[in-house]
N, C-alpha and C. Protein backbone atom coordinates (compact mmCIF):
# COMPACT_ATOMS: atom_id res chain seq x y z
N MET A 1 114.13 110.78 118.52
CA MET A 1 113.33 111.32 117.61
C MET A 1 115.55 111.54 117.46
N ASN A 2 115.66 110.62 116.39
CA ASN A 2 116.97 111.27 115.42
C ASN A 2 116.77 112.52 114.00
N LYS A 3 116.77 112.86 115.33
CA LYS A 3 116.92 114.38 114.05
C LYS A 3 118.07 115.03 112.83
N SER A 4 118.58 113.78 112.56
CA SER A 4 119.86 113.76 111.90
C SER A 4 119.87 112.77 110.64
N ASN A 5 118.15 112.14 110.32
CA ASN A 5 117.82 111.28 109.27
C ASN A 5 116.58 111.73 109.02
N TYR A 6 117.03 112.53 108.11
CA TYR A 6 115.48 112.95 107.68
C TYR A 6 115.89 113.47 106.22
N ILE A 7 115.05 113.28 105.77
CA ILE A 7 115.14 113.79 103.74
C ILE A 7 114.19 115.33 103.72
N LEU A 8 114.20 115.55 103.39
CA LEU A 8 113.74 117.51 103.25
C LEU A 8 113.21 117.48 101.35
N GLY A 9 112.11 117.99 101.22
CA GLY A 9 111.79 117.86 99.84
C GLY A 9 110.74 119.21 99.43
N GLN A 10 110.79 118.99 98.09
CA GLN A 10 109.11 120.43 98.64
C GLN A 10 108.40 120.08 96.66
N TYR A 11 107.01 120.20 96.61
CA TYR A 11 106.22 119.75 95.63
C TYR A 11 105.58 120.93 95.69
N GLY A 12 105.30 121.94 94.21
CA GLY A 12 104.59 123.13 94.11
C GLY A 12 104.93 123.46 95.27
N ASN A 13 104.24 123.72 96.45
CA ASN A 13 102.83 124.72 96.82
C ASN A 13 103.77 124.17 98.51
N TYR A 14 103.96 122.36 98.71
CA TYR A 14 103.91 121.96 99.64
C TYR A 14 105.42 121.15 100.30
N TYR A 15 105.52 121.67 101.19
CA TYR A 15 107.04 121.05 101.82
C TYR A 15 107.48 120.03 102.76
N TRP A 16 108.29 119.20 102.62
CA TRP A 16 108.06 118.20 103.02
C TRP A 16 109.10 117.47 103.23
N ILE A 17 109.06 116.44 104.87
CA ILE A 17 109.85 115.51 105.52
C ILE A 17 109.53 114.43 105.42
N GLU A 18 110.40 113.58 105.36
CA GLU A 18 110.49 112.15 106.17
C GLU A 18 111.66 111.49 106.53
N PHE A 19 111.33 111.15 107.52
CA PHE A 19 111.96 110.17 109.08
C PHE A 19 111.94 108.74 109.05
N PRO A 20 112.78 108.05 108.70
CA PRO A 20 112.52 106.41 108.80
C PRO A 20 111.91 106.17 110.29
N VAL A 21 110.77 105.44 110.60
CA VAL A 21 109.86 106.01 111.78
C VAL A 21 111.25 105.06 113.10
N LYS A 22 111.65 104.04 112.78
CA LYS A 22 112.43 103.99 114.16
C LYS A 22 113.84 105.20 114.30
N ALA A 23 113.79 106.36 113.28
CA ALA A 23 114.20 107.40 114.39
C ALA A 23 113.07 108.34 114.38
N PHE A 24 112.26 107.90 114.73
CA PHE A 24 110.89 109.03 114.38
C PHE A 24 110.27 108.60 116.01
N ASN A 25 109.86 109.08 116.74
CA ASN A 25 109.09 109.25 118.35
C ASN A 25 107.90 110.04 117.29
N PHE A 26 106.86 109.24 117.61
CA PHE A 26 105.53 109.92 117.40
C PHE A 26 104.90 110.00 118.20
N SER A 27 104.47 109.98 119.59
CA SER A 27 104.18 111.31 120.63
C SER A 27 105.29 111.99 120.43
N ASP A 28 106.68 111.84 120.66
CA ASP A 28 106.85 113.22 121.22
C ASP A 28 107.16 114.37 120.55
N PHE A 29 106.91 113.41 118.86
CA PHE A 29 106.03 114.97 117.37
C PHE A 29 104.44 115.66 118.58
N LEU A 30 103.85 114.89 118.71
CA LEU A 30 103.09 115.66 119.25
C LEU A 30 102.61 116.44 120.92
N LYS A 31 103.45 116.02 121.85
CA LYS A 31 103.94 116.75 123.20
C LYS A 31 105.21 118.22 122.40
N LYS A 32 105.72 117.70 121.50
CA LYS A 32 107.31 118.89 121.14
C LYS A 32 106.28 119.56 119.98
N GLN A 33 105.47 119.58 119.19
CA GLN A 33 105.56 120.12 118.36
C GLN A 33 104.17 119.96 118.06
N GLY A 34 103.17 119.79 118.47
CA GLY A 34 101.80 119.65 118.34
C GLY A 34 100.81 120.93 118.40
N LYS A 35 101.81 121.98 118.83
CA LYS A 35 101.00 122.78 118.38
C LYS A 35 100.77 124.00 117.29
N ILE A 36 101.92 123.06 115.56
CA ILE A 36 101.37 122.87 115.06
C ILE A 36 100.21 122.70 114.40
N LEU A 37 99.32 121.97 115.31
CA LEU A 37 97.91 121.24 114.77
C LEU A 37 96.32 122.58 115.48
N ILE A 38 97.01 122.91 116.54
CA ILE A 38 96.17 123.55 117.05
C ILE A 38 95.85 124.74 116.11
N GLY A 39 94.19 124.54 116.10
CA GLY A 39 93.30 125.37 115.20
C GLY A 39 93.08 124.80 114.54
N LYS A 40 93.48 123.53 114.17
CA LYS A 40 92.99 122.82 112.34
C LYS A 40 92.71 121.68 112.48
N TYR A 41 92.03 121.90 111.60
CA TYR A 41 90.20 120.88 111.84
C TYR A 41 91.91 118.73 110.97
N LEU A 42 91.69 117.84 111.60
CA LEU A 42 91.68 116.47 111.22
C LEU A 42 90.54 116.42 110.80
N ALA A 43 91.29 115.30 109.29
CA ALA A 43 90.72 114.05 108.94
C ALA A 43 91.60 112.68 108.74
N MET A 44 91.34 112.00 109.37
CA MET A 44 91.97 111.01 110.02
C MET A 44 91.55 109.19 108.84
N VAL A 45 92.13 109.95 107.75
CA VAL A 45 91.60 108.66 106.61
C VAL A 45 92.07 107.38 106.85
N CYS A 46 92.89 107.12 107.38
CA CYS A 46 93.10 105.91 107.89
C CYS A 46 94.18 105.77 109.70
N PHE A 47 93.46 104.87 109.98
CA PHE A 47 93.46 104.23 111.39
C PHE A 47 93.95 102.50 111.79
N ASP A 48 95.93 102.73 112.25
CA ASP A 48 96.14 101.39 111.77
C ASP A 48 95.45 100.63 110.68
N GLY A 49 96.07 101.27 109.34
CA GLY A 49 95.92 100.09 108.57
C GLY A 49 94.10 100.42 108.25
N GLY A 50 92.88 101.35 108.20
CA GLY A 50 91.93 101.22 108.18
C GLY A 50 91.13 101.66 108.68
N PRO A 51 90.57 102.32 108.64
CA PRO A 51 89.12 103.47 108.81
C PRO A 51 88.20 103.23 110.35
N LEU A 52 88.66 104.62 110.89
CA LEU A 52 88.22 104.40 112.31
C LEU A 52 87.06 104.32 112.48
N ARG A 53 86.36 103.45 113.05
CA ARG A 53 85.08 104.22 113.23
C ARG A 53 85.28 104.82 114.84
N LEU A 54 84.31 105.21 115.19
CA LEU A 54 84.21 105.97 116.05
C LEU A 54 83.04 105.85 116.91
N THR A 55 84.08 106.26 118.78
CA THR A 55 83.28 105.48 119.56
C THR A 55 81.68 106.49 120.11
N GLY A 56 81.30 106.35 121.02
CA GLY A 56 79.88 107.14 120.94
C GLY A 56 80.67 108.69 121.83
N GLU A 57 81.63 108.28 122.95
CA GLU A 57 82.17 109.46 123.49
C GLU A 57 83.16 110.23 122.44
N GLU A 58 83.62 109.54 121.83
CA GLU A 58 84.84 110.20 120.51
C GLU A 58 83.62 111.28 119.85
N LYS A 59 82.79 110.15 119.77
CA LYS A 59 81.09 111.78 118.74
C LYS A 59 80.72 112.52 119.65
N ALA A 60 80.48 112.48 120.95
CA ALA A 60 80.03 113.19 121.70
C ALA A 60 81.30 115.05 121.80
N ASN A 61 82.59 114.56 121.65
CA ASN A 61 83.16 114.98 121.59
C ASN A 61 83.12 115.81 120.98
N GLY A 62 82.72 115.54 119.82
CA GLY A 62 82.50 116.86 118.56
C GLY A 62 82.96 115.86 116.78
N TRP A 63 83.36 114.38 117.08
CA TRP A 63 83.85 113.72 115.95
C TRP A 63 82.74 113.98 115.18
N HIS A 64 82.85 113.16 114.44
CA HIS A 64 81.85 112.89 113.06
C HIS A 64 82.71 111.57 111.70
N GLU A 65 81.91 111.10 111.38
CA GLU A 65 82.46 110.05 110.42
C GLU A 65 81.58 110.79 109.08
N VAL A 66 82.22 110.36 108.17
CA VAL A 66 82.12 109.93 106.74
C VAL A 66 82.78 109.28 105.80
N ASN A 67 81.98 109.12 105.16
CA ASN A 67 82.97 108.48 103.82
C ASN A 67 83.88 106.94 104.64
N GLY A 68 83.84 106.47 105.67
CA GLY A 68 84.89 106.07 105.92
C GLY A 68 86.68 107.21 107.16
N ILE A 69 86.36 108.44 106.73
CA ILE A 69 86.97 109.31 106.87
C ILE A 69 86.13 110.00 108.62
N ALA A 70 87.13 109.77 109.81
CA ALA A 70 86.94 110.77 111.06
C ALA A 70 87.40 112.01 111.01
N TYR A 71 86.37 112.84 111.13
CA TYR A 71 86.80 114.42 110.99
C TYR A 71 86.70 114.40 112.96
N SER A 72 88.12 115.27 113.00
CA SER A 72 87.92 116.80 114.34
C SER A 72 86.99 117.40 114.60
N PRO A 73 87.13 117.97 115.56
CA PRO A 73 86.31 119.23 115.52
C PRO A 73 87.41 120.17 115.34
N GLU A 74 87.76 121.26 115.62
CA GLU A 74 88.63 122.33 116.27
C GLU A 74 89.76 121.92 116.50
N LEU A 75 90.94 121.68 116.54
CA LEU A 75 91.53 121.14 117.44
C LEU A 75 92.58 121.92 118.41
N THR A 76 92.11 122.25 120.33
CA THR A 76 92.80 122.64 120.93
C THR A 76 94.13 121.92 121.23
N GLN A 77 94.59 122.45 122.23
CA GLN A 77 95.61 121.80 123.23
C GLN A 77 94.93 120.02 123.47
N ARG A 78 94.12 120.69 124.18
CA ARG A 78 93.52 119.27 124.98
C ARG A 78 93.30 117.71 123.99
N HIS A 79 92.41 118.49 122.60
CA HIS A 79 92.50 117.34 121.68
C HIS A 79 94.01 117.00 121.20
N ILE A 80 95.08 118.05 121.28
CA ILE A 80 96.16 116.80 120.49
C ILE A 80 96.53 116.39 121.86
N SER A 81 96.33 116.33 123.24
CA SER A 81 97.18 115.33 124.54
C SER A 81 96.22 114.29 124.93
N GLU A 82 95.19 114.14 124.28
CA GLU A 82 94.03 113.50 123.79
C GLU A 82 93.46 112.89 122.28
N LEU A 83 94.90 113.20 121.12
CA LEU A 83 95.10 112.03 119.88
C LEU A 83 95.21 110.75 120.42
N PHE A 84 94.89 110.13 119.36
CA PHE A 84 95.14 108.05 119.14
C PHE A 84 95.70 108.27 118.22
N TYR A 85 96.57 107.34 117.92
CA TYR A 85 97.14 107.14 116.33
C TYR A 85 97.20 105.55 117.09
N GLU A 86 98.19 105.58 116.01
CA GLU A 86 98.93 103.86 115.60
C GLU A 86 99.42 103.74 114.52
N ARG A 87 99.77 102.70 113.96
CA ARG A 87 100.91 102.40 113.04
C ARG A 87 100.39 102.52 111.65
N ASN A 88 100.66 102.95 110.30
CA ASN A 88 100.08 102.81 109.64
C ASN A 88 98.23 104.12 109.84
N ASP A 89 98.82 104.84 110.53
CA ASP A 89 97.87 106.25 110.06
C ASP A 89 97.56 107.06 109.21
N GLN A 90 97.43 107.57 108.61
CA GLN A 90 96.92 109.15 107.73
C GLN A 90 96.43 109.90 107.96
N TRP A 91 96.83 111.08 107.63
CA TRP A 91 95.82 112.30 108.61
C TRP A 91 95.98 113.29 107.58
N CYS A 92 94.87 113.92 107.95
CA CYS A 92 95.13 115.40 106.74
C CYS A 92 93.94 116.40 107.44
N LEU A 93 95.08 117.84 107.74
CA LEU A 93 94.37 118.96 108.33
C LEU A 93 94.74 119.77 107.40
N PHE A 94 93.35 120.27 108.23
CA PHE A 94 92.67 121.60 106.83
C PHE A 94 92.78 122.84 108.09
N THR A 95 92.81 123.99 107.56
CA THR A 95 92.30 125.35 108.12
C THR A 95 90.77 125.97 108.33
N SER A 96 90.19 125.02 108.45
CA SER A 96 88.22 125.73 108.08
C SER A 96 88.13 123.71 107.35
N PRO A 97 86.38 123.41 108.43
CA PRO A 97 86.20 122.33 108.73
C PRO A 97 85.62 121.54 106.43
N THR A 98 86.46 120.84 106.98
CA THR A 98 86.22 120.41 104.75
C THR A 98 86.03 118.56 105.06
N GLY A 99 85.32 118.37 103.81
CA GLY A 99 84.93 117.00 103.53
C GLY A 99 85.69 116.93 101.82
N PHE A 100 86.03 115.93 102.06
CA PHE A 100 86.14 115.27 100.62
C PHE A 100 85.96 113.13 100.56
N PRO A 101 85.94 112.94 99.09
CA PRO A 101 85.00 111.96 99.76
C PRO A 101 85.95 110.22 99.90
N GLY A 102 87.49 110.30 99.77
CA GLY A 102 88.43 109.06 100.36
C GLY A 102 89.52 109.73 99.70
N MET A 103 90.67 108.80 99.95
CA MET A 103 92.26 108.92 100.06
C MET A 103 92.50 107.42 99.63
N THR A 104 93.51 106.98 98.85
CA THR A 104 93.89 105.97 99.04
C THR A 104 95.41 105.95 100.16
N TYR A 105 94.67 104.75 100.80
CA TYR A 105 95.98 104.42 102.07
C TYR A 105 96.69 104.29 101.86
N PHE A 106 97.85 105.54 101.09
CA PHE A 106 99.78 105.32 100.64
C PHE A 106 100.79 104.59 101.83
N VAL A 107 99.93 104.52 102.97
CA VAL A 107 100.84 104.30 104.34
C VAL A 107 100.43 103.14 104.35
N ASN A 108 99.75 102.20 103.58
CA ASN A 108 99.61 100.22 104.22
C ASN A 108 100.64 99.78 102.97
N TYR A 109 101.01 100.80 101.90
CA TYR A 109 102.27 99.87 100.57
C TYR A 109 103.75 100.72 101.65
N GLY A 110 103.74 98.93 101.91
CA GLY A 110 105.04 98.93 102.69
C GLY A 110 106.39 99.82 102.26
N GLY A 111 107.15 100.93 102.42
CA GLY A 111 108.26 101.41 102.27
C GLY A 111 107.80 102.57 102.11
N PHE A 112 106.18 102.47 101.92
CA PHE A 112 105.91 104.72 101.20
C PHE A 112 107.06 105.45 102.03
N SER A 113 107.42 105.78 100.62
CA SER A 113 108.56 106.89 100.65
C SER A 113 108.09 108.12 99.80
N LEU A 114 108.72 109.50 99.46
CA LEU A 114 107.98 110.45 98.64
C LEU A 114 109.86 110.63 98.39
N ALA A 115 110.53 109.32 98.76
CA ALA A 115 111.57 110.30 97.99
C ALA A 115 112.12 108.99 97.06
N SER A 116 113.77 109.50 96.18
CA SER A 116 113.16 108.93 95.05
C SER A 116 113.90 107.10 95.76
N LYS A 117 114.02 106.40 94.31
CA LYS A 117 114.25 104.97 94.70
C LYS A 117 115.34 105.16 92.91
N GLY A 118 116.03 106.02 92.69
CA GLY A 118 116.56 105.52 91.47
C GLY A 118 118.10 104.85 92.05
N GLN A 119 118.50 104.94 93.21
CA GLN A 119 119.90 105.39 94.12
C GLN A 119 120.01 103.88 93.85
N GLU A 120 118.88 103.19 94.44
CA GLU A 120 118.46 101.91 94.11
C GLU A 120 119.12 100.75 93.26
N LEU A 121 119.06 101.02 92.55
CA LEU A 121 119.52 100.46 90.18
C LEU A 121 121.08 100.77 90.97
N THR A 122 121.57 101.63 91.36
CA THR A 122 123.27 102.30 91.48
C THR A 122 123.86 101.21 92.18
N ASN A 123 122.90 101.07 93.51
CA ASN A 123 124.16 101.24 94.75
C ASN A 123 123.70 99.38 94.19
N ALA A 124 122.87 98.82 93.52
CA ALA A 124 122.77 97.38 93.09
C ALA A 124 123.88 96.21 93.43
N ASP A 125 124.08 94.82 93.86
CA ASP A 125 125.01 94.87 93.24
C ASP A 125 124.92 93.38 92.10
N PRO A 126 125.87 93.83 91.89
CA PRO A 126 126.08 93.09 89.57
C PRO A 126 125.21 92.22 89.56
N ILE A 127 124.98 90.57 90.99
CA ILE A 127 123.62 89.36 91.10
C ILE A 127 122.53 90.07 91.27
N TRP A 128 122.53 91.24 91.15
CA TRP A 128 120.63 91.17 92.04
C TRP A 128 119.65 91.47 90.55
N ASP A 129 118.59 91.34 90.03
CA ASP A 129 117.83 91.32 89.07
C ASP A 129 117.73 92.53 89.09
N LYS A 130 118.37 93.23 88.56
CA LYS A 130 118.21 94.76 87.40
C LYS A 130 116.77 94.55 86.94
N VAL A 131 116.24 93.94 86.49
CA VAL A 131 114.62 94.57 85.94
C VAL A 131 113.93 94.30 87.15
N GLY A 132 113.53 93.80 88.27
CA GLY A 132 112.96 93.56 89.27
C GLY A 132 113.18 95.31 89.65
N ILE A 133 114.26 95.33 90.01
CA ILE A 133 114.82 96.61 90.48
C ILE A 133 113.96 98.04 90.42
N MET A 134 114.06 97.74 88.83
CA MET A 134 113.64 98.91 87.66
C MET A 134 111.92 98.57 87.36
N LYS A 135 111.46 97.61 87.83
CA LYS A 135 110.15 97.57 87.66
C LYS A 135 109.14 98.22 89.41
N ASN A 136 110.60 98.19 90.56
CA ASN A 136 110.05 98.82 91.78
C ASN A 136 110.26 99.49 91.55
N ILE A 137 111.12 100.53 91.26
CA ILE A 137 111.28 101.93 90.68
C ILE A 137 110.33 102.73 90.23
N GLU A 138 110.03 101.83 89.52
CA GLU A 138 109.26 102.25 87.90
C GLU A 138 107.47 102.42 89.00
N PHE A 139 107.04 101.30 89.38
CA PHE A 139 105.61 101.54 90.63
C PHE A 139 105.94 102.49 91.98
N HIS A 140 107.24 102.36 92.57
CA HIS A 140 107.11 103.44 93.46
C HIS A 140 106.94 104.46 92.90
N GLU A 141 107.66 104.94 91.37
CA GLU A 141 107.15 106.31 91.21
C GLU A 141 106.25 107.00 90.80
N GLN A 142 105.20 106.09 90.02
CA GLN A 142 103.57 106.05 89.65
C GLN A 142 102.55 106.18 91.18
N LEU A 143 103.21 105.51 92.11
CA LEU A 143 102.69 105.72 93.20
C LEU A 143 102.82 107.18 93.60
N VAL A 144 104.13 107.00 93.91
CA VAL A 144 103.88 109.02 94.54
C VAL A 144 103.27 109.90 93.49
N THR A 145 103.23 109.65 91.93
CA THR A 145 102.75 110.12 90.94
C THR A 145 101.73 110.61 92.06
N GLU A 146 100.41 109.08 92.16
CA GLU A 146 99.53 108.94 92.67
C GLU A 146 99.48 109.52 93.71
N PHE A 147 100.07 109.75 94.51
CA PHE A 147 99.90 110.89 95.65
C PHE A 147 99.95 111.89 95.76
N TRP A 148 100.84 112.54 94.59
CA TRP A 148 100.56 114.11 95.23
C TRP A 148 99.03 114.13 93.96
N GLU A 149 99.00 113.57 93.27
CA GLU A 149 97.38 114.18 93.12
C GLU A 149 96.77 113.47 93.56
N GLU A 150 96.41 113.42 94.06
CA GLU A 150 95.39 113.54 94.83
C GLU A 150 95.70 114.47 96.44
N ILE A 151 97.34 114.58 96.66
CA ILE A 151 97.14 115.47 97.41
C ILE A 151 96.81 117.09 97.08
N LEU A 152 97.19 117.05 96.10
CA LEU A 152 97.07 118.53 94.84
C LEU A 152 95.09 118.70 95.28
N SER A 153 94.89 117.13 94.25
CA SER A 153 93.16 117.95 94.72
C SER A 153 92.17 117.56 96.04
N ILE A 154 92.71 117.41 97.37
CA ILE A 154 92.44 117.31 97.97
C ILE A 154 92.57 118.73 98.66
N ASP A 155 93.85 118.57 98.84
CA ASP A 155 94.02 120.11 99.30
C ASP A 155 94.48 120.53 100.77
N PRO A 156 94.66 119.35 100.91
CA PRO A 156 95.40 119.69 103.11
C PRO A 156 96.46 120.91 102.96
N PHE A 157 96.30 121.50 104.29
CA PHE A 157 97.28 122.37 104.45
C PHE A 157 98.25 121.50 104.72
N ASN A 158 97.97 120.72 105.50
CA ASN A 158 99.22 119.61 106.15
C ASN A 158 98.79 117.85 105.90
N PHE A 159 100.05 116.90 105.97
CA PHE A 159 99.48 115.71 105.74
C PHE A 159 100.22 115.19 106.67
N ILE A 160 99.96 113.93 106.91
CA ILE A 160 100.61 113.14 108.56
C ILE A 160 100.42 111.71 107.98
N ALA A 161 101.53 110.80 107.65
CA ALA A 161 101.79 109.58 107.08
C ALA A 161 102.68 109.14 108.65
N TYR A 162 101.95 107.94 109.34
CA TYR A 162 103.68 107.19 110.38
C TYR A 162 103.82 105.96 109.63
N GLY A 163 103.87 105.52 108.73
CA GLY A 163 103.55 103.70 108.44
C GLY A 163 105.31 103.62 109.19
N ASP A 164 105.68 103.07 107.44
CA ASP A 164 107.03 102.25 107.80
C ASP A 164 107.95 103.77 107.53
N ASN A 165 107.68 105.01 107.37
CA ASN A 165 108.78 106.15 107.66
C ASN A 165 107.20 107.36 108.24
N PHE A 166 107.09 108.69 108.41
CA PHE A 166 106.95 109.53 109.69
C PHE A 166 106.85 110.51 108.44
N ILE A 167 106.06 111.09 107.55
CA ILE A 167 106.09 111.87 106.52
C ILE A 167 105.25 112.61 107.00
N PHE A 168 105.86 114.09 107.35
CA PHE A 168 104.87 115.23 107.47
C PHE A 168 105.20 116.72 106.11
N ILE A 169 104.00 116.69 105.99
CA ILE A 169 103.96 117.65 104.59
C ILE A 169 102.74 119.25 105.11
N SER A 170 103.40 120.52 104.41
CA SER A 170 103.63 121.96 104.38
C SER A 170 103.07 122.70 103.59
N LYS A 171 101.72 123.07 104.26
CA LYS A 171 102.33 124.89 103.27
C LYS A 171 103.00 125.14 103.60
N ASN A 172 102.93 125.28 104.90
CA ASN A 172 103.88 126.35 105.60
C ASN A 172 105.63 125.46 106.33
N LYS A 173 107.13 126.16 105.51
CA LYS A 173 107.54 125.80 105.46
C LYS A 173 108.36 125.60 106.80
N GLU A 174 107.94 126.73 107.16
CA GLU A 174 107.89 127.12 109.30
C GLU A 174 107.83 125.58 109.44
N GLU A 175 106.53 125.26 109.13
CA GLU A 175 106.65 123.90 110.26
C GLU A 175 107.22 122.69 109.83
N VAL A 176 108.13 121.97 108.77
CA VAL A 176 108.87 121.72 108.37
C VAL A 176 109.97 122.04 109.26
N ALA A 177 110.46 123.11 108.99
CA ALA A 177 111.61 122.64 110.40
C ALA A 177 111.42 122.74 111.18
N MET A 178 110.42 123.02 112.32
CA MET A 178 110.28 122.64 113.56
C MET A 178 110.21 121.70 113.56
N LEU A 179 110.10 120.53 112.85
CA LEU A 179 111.01 119.21 113.48
C LEU A 179 112.14 118.44 112.94
N ILE A 180 113.01 119.76 113.22
CA ILE A 180 114.22 119.06 112.71
C ILE A 180 115.25 120.20 113.87
N LYS A 181 114.76 121.12 114.73
CA LYS A 181 114.92 121.81 115.43
C LYS A 181 115.02 121.50 116.29
C-alpha cells in the first residue's frame, strides 16, 4: 500500500480518505486495520458490481439478505478474517443492526471519486474538448452530491468503496488516520 498517494477530505461529520486502487491493497487493509470493523454490522450493498447472493453456509453463519443487501452479524475478528471481497464492492458499516431500502452503486461509475475534478479543465490541453470536459466535471459533481445525500440519509458509521479508487469514510477521524500510519 502506497501511503503517500491519497486524498483526505471532510463532509459534515464524515471524514474520508481515498487511494487510487493501484496504490491500495484491500487484503492488507483487512489484515492491518480490520480492527476498525470489529463490533460493527456490515451491509454489503454491492459485491463485484451487483448484489451478493448469500450461500446456505453464509446464512448459517448469521448473514441475511433484504432488498439485495447482504447484512452481517456483529463483526468479530473471525468474521473479518473470512470476509470476501472483489473489485466494485460497496459497504456500509453501522454500530447497531440497521436496514435501509437500497443505495446507488456509485462504485460502478468508472473512476468514481470524492475528490474535485475541477483541476481537469485547468490542466486540459488547448486542443481538447473543453465543453466535454466541463460536462464531465458537472456530471461528477452531481454524482458526488447524490452520493453525500444518500450517505446522510442512510447514516452509516463507515462507508467503503473498492472500485477504481478505494474510498474509506468514517465518523471517527482517528479511523481515517489509521489508514496512513
